[in-house]
Amino acid sequence: MAMAEKATIGIWKKTNIFFSQVRTEMAKVSWPSQEDCKNYAIVVIVATAIVGVMMALWDFALAKALAALLQVGVSG
C-alpha cells in the first residue's frame, strides 16, 4: 500500500507543478485586443463567404457541364 500512496502523492505533486507552470506561461501571453479580434472575425467571415460563393459557382458549372455531357451520350 505504501507504493500506491507514493504514486498518488507523485501524481498530485506533478499535477500541481503542471498547472503552476501553465499559469506562469499564460501570464506571458500577449493577447489580442478586442478591436483585433473583431477585425479577425470580419476577415474570416468575408473569406468564408467568398469561398462559399466560389464553390457554389463551380458546383453549378460542373453540374451543367455533366448534364450536357449526359444528354449528348443519351441522344447520340
C-alpha atoms as a PDB file:
ATOM      1  CA  MET A   1       0.000   0.000   0.000  1.00  0.00           C
ATOM      2  CA  ALA A   2       2.928   2.340   0.657  1.00  0.00           C
ATOM      3  CA  MET A   3       3.938   2.175  -3.023  1.00  0.00           C
ATOM      4  CA  ALA A   4       0.423   3.133  -4.171  1.00  0.00           C
ATOM      5  CA  GLU A   5       0.351   6.066  -1.747  1.00  0.00           C
ATOM      6  CA  LYS A   6       3.717   7.293  -3.067  1.00  0.00           C
ATOM      7  CA  ALA A   7       2.455   7.071  -6.633  1.00  0.00           C
ATOM      8  CA  THR A   8      -0.670   9.028  -5.732  1.00  0.00           C
ATOM      9  CA  ILE A   9       1.332  11.738  -3.997  1.00  0.00           C
ATOM     10  CA  GLY A  10       3.621  11.882  -7.018  1.00  0.00           C
ATOM     11  CA  ILE A  11       0.674  12.329  -9.362  1.00  0.00           C
ATOM     12  CA  TRP A  12      -0.829  15.132  -7.268  1.00  0.00           C
ATOM     13  CA  LYS A  13       2.501  16.900  -6.976  1.00  0.00           C
ATOM     14  CA  LYS A  14       3.146  16.609 -10.721  1.00  0.00           C
ATOM     15  CA  THR A  15      -0.356  17.886 -11.476  1.00  0.00           C
ATOM     16  CA  ASN A  16       0.163  20.856  -9.165  1.00  0.00           C
ATOM     17  CA  ILE A  17       3.502  21.663 -10.828  1.00  0.00           C
ATOM     18  CA  PHE A  18       1.934  21.377 -14.261  1.00  0.00           C
ATOM     19  CA  PHE A  19      -0.878  23.817 -13.504  1.00  0.00           C
ATOM     20  CA  SER A  20       1.544  26.186 -11.821  1.00  0.00           C
ATOM     21  CA  GLN A  21       3.653  26.226 -14.979  1.00  0.00           C
ATOM     22  CA  VAL A  22       0.553  26.713 -17.137  1.00  0.00           C
ATOM     23  CA  ARG A  23      -0.453  29.730 -15.035  1.00  0.00           C
ATOM     24  CA  THR A  24       3.054  31.188 -15.395  1.00  0.00           C
ATOM     25  CA  GLU A  25       3.122  30.732 -19.169  1.00  0.00           C
ATOM     26  CA  MET A  26      -0.400  32.118 -19.656  1.00  0.00           C
ATOM     27  CA  ALA A  27       0.692  35.289 -17.874  1.00  0.00           C
ATOM     28  CA  LYS A  28       3.358  35.761 -20.576  1.00  0.00           C
ATOM     29  CA  VAL A  29       0.887  35.509 -23.469  1.00  0.00           C
ATOM     30  CA  SER A  30       0.295  38.656 -25.487  1.00  0.00           C
ATOM     31  CA  TRP A  31      -3.468  38.610 -26.028  1.00  0.00           C
ATOM     32  CA  PRO A  32      -5.027  40.446 -28.991  1.00  0.00           C
ATOM     33  CA  SER A  33      -7.197  43.470 -28.298  1.00  0.00           C
ATOM     34  CA  GLN A  34     -10.961  43.417 -28.724  1.00  0.00           C
ATOM     35  CA  GLU A  35     -10.579  45.502 -31.886  1.00  0.00           C
ATOM     36  CA  ASP A  36      -8.093  42.985 -33.319  1.00  0.00           C
ATOM     37  CA  CYS A  37     -10.474  40.124 -32.560  1.00  0.00           C
ATOM     38  CA  LYS A  38     -13.311  41.972 -34.301  1.00  0.00           C
ATOM     39  CA  ASN A  39     -11.132  42.582 -37.372  1.00  0.00           C
ATOM     40  CA  TYR A  40     -10.005  38.955 -37.499  1.00  0.00           C
ATOM     41  CA  ALA A  41     -13.604  37.767 -37.221  1.00  0.00           C
ATOM     42  CA  ILE A  42     -14.651  40.012 -40.103  1.00  0.00           C
ATOM     43  CA  VAL A  43     -11.794  38.708 -42.254  1.00  0.00           C
ATOM     44  CA  VAL A  44     -12.801  35.107 -41.527  1.00  0.00           C
ATOM     45  CA  ILE A  45     -16.483  35.760 -42.286  1.00  0.00           C
ATOM     46  CA  VAL A  46     -15.705  37.546 -45.575  1.00  0.00           C
ATOM     47  CA  ALA A  47     -13.206  34.872 -46.660  1.00  0.00           C
ATOM     48  CA  THR A  48     -15.718  32.128 -45.836  1.00  0.00           C
ATOM     49  CA  ALA A  49     -18.429  33.888 -47.846  1.00  0.00           C
ATOM     50  CA  ILE A  50     -16.106  34.307 -50.837  1.00  0.00           C
ATOM     51  CA  VAL A  51     -15.061  30.658 -50.771  1.00  0.00           C
ATOM     52  CA  GLY A  52     -18.706  29.605 -50.383  1.00  0.00           C
ATOM     53  CA  VAL A  53     -19.762  31.618 -53.438  1.00  0.00           C
ATOM     54  CA  MET A  54     -16.848  30.246 -55.459  1.00  0.00           C
ATOM     55  CA  MET A  55     -17.760  26.671 -54.525  1.00  0.00           C
ATOM     56  CA  ALA A  56     -21.419  27.277 -55.416  1.00  0.00           C
ATOM     57  CA  LEU A  57     -20.426  28.668 -58.830  1.00  0.00           C
ATOM     58  CA  TRP A  58     -18.117  25.707 -59.513  1.00  0.00           C
ATOM     59  CA  ASP A  59     -20.831  23.283 -58.411  1.00  0.00           C
ATOM     60  CA  PHE A  60     -23.368  24.941 -60.702  1.00  0.00           C
ATOM     61  CA  ALA A  61     -20.978  24.996 -63.676  1.00  0.00           C
ATOM     62  CA  LEU A  62     -19.868  21.392 -63.228  1.00  0.00           C
ATOM     63  CA  ALA A  63     -23.460  20.207 -62.783  1.00  0.00           C
ATOM     64  CA  LYS A  64     -24.474  21.935 -66.032  1.00  0.00           C
ATOM     65  CA  ALA A  65     -21.429  20.504 -67.846  1.00  0.00           C
ATOM     66  CA  LEU A  66     -22.169  16.990 -66.571  1.00  0.00           C
ATOM     67  CA  ALA A  67     -25.825  17.312 -67.535  1.00  0.00           C
ATOM     68  CA  ALA A  68     -24.828  18.440 -71.032  1.00  0.00           C
ATOM     69  CA  LEU A  69     -22.408  15.504 -71.371  1.00  0.00           C
ATOM     70  CA  LEU A  70     -25.024  13.027 -70.231  1.00  0.00           C
ATOM     71  CA  GLN A  71     -27.581  14.464 -72.685  1.00  0.00           C
ATOM     72  CA  VAL A  72     -25.084  14.080 -75.537  1.00  0.00           C
ATOM     73  CA  GLY A  73     -24.446  10.485 -74.502  1.00  0.00           C
ATOM     74  CA  VAL A  74     -28.153   9.599 -74.335  1.00  0.00           C
ATOM     75  CA  SER A  75     -29.182  11.179 -77.630  1.00  0.00           C
ATOM     76  CA  GLY A  76     -26.047  10.207 -79.525  1.00  0.00           C
END
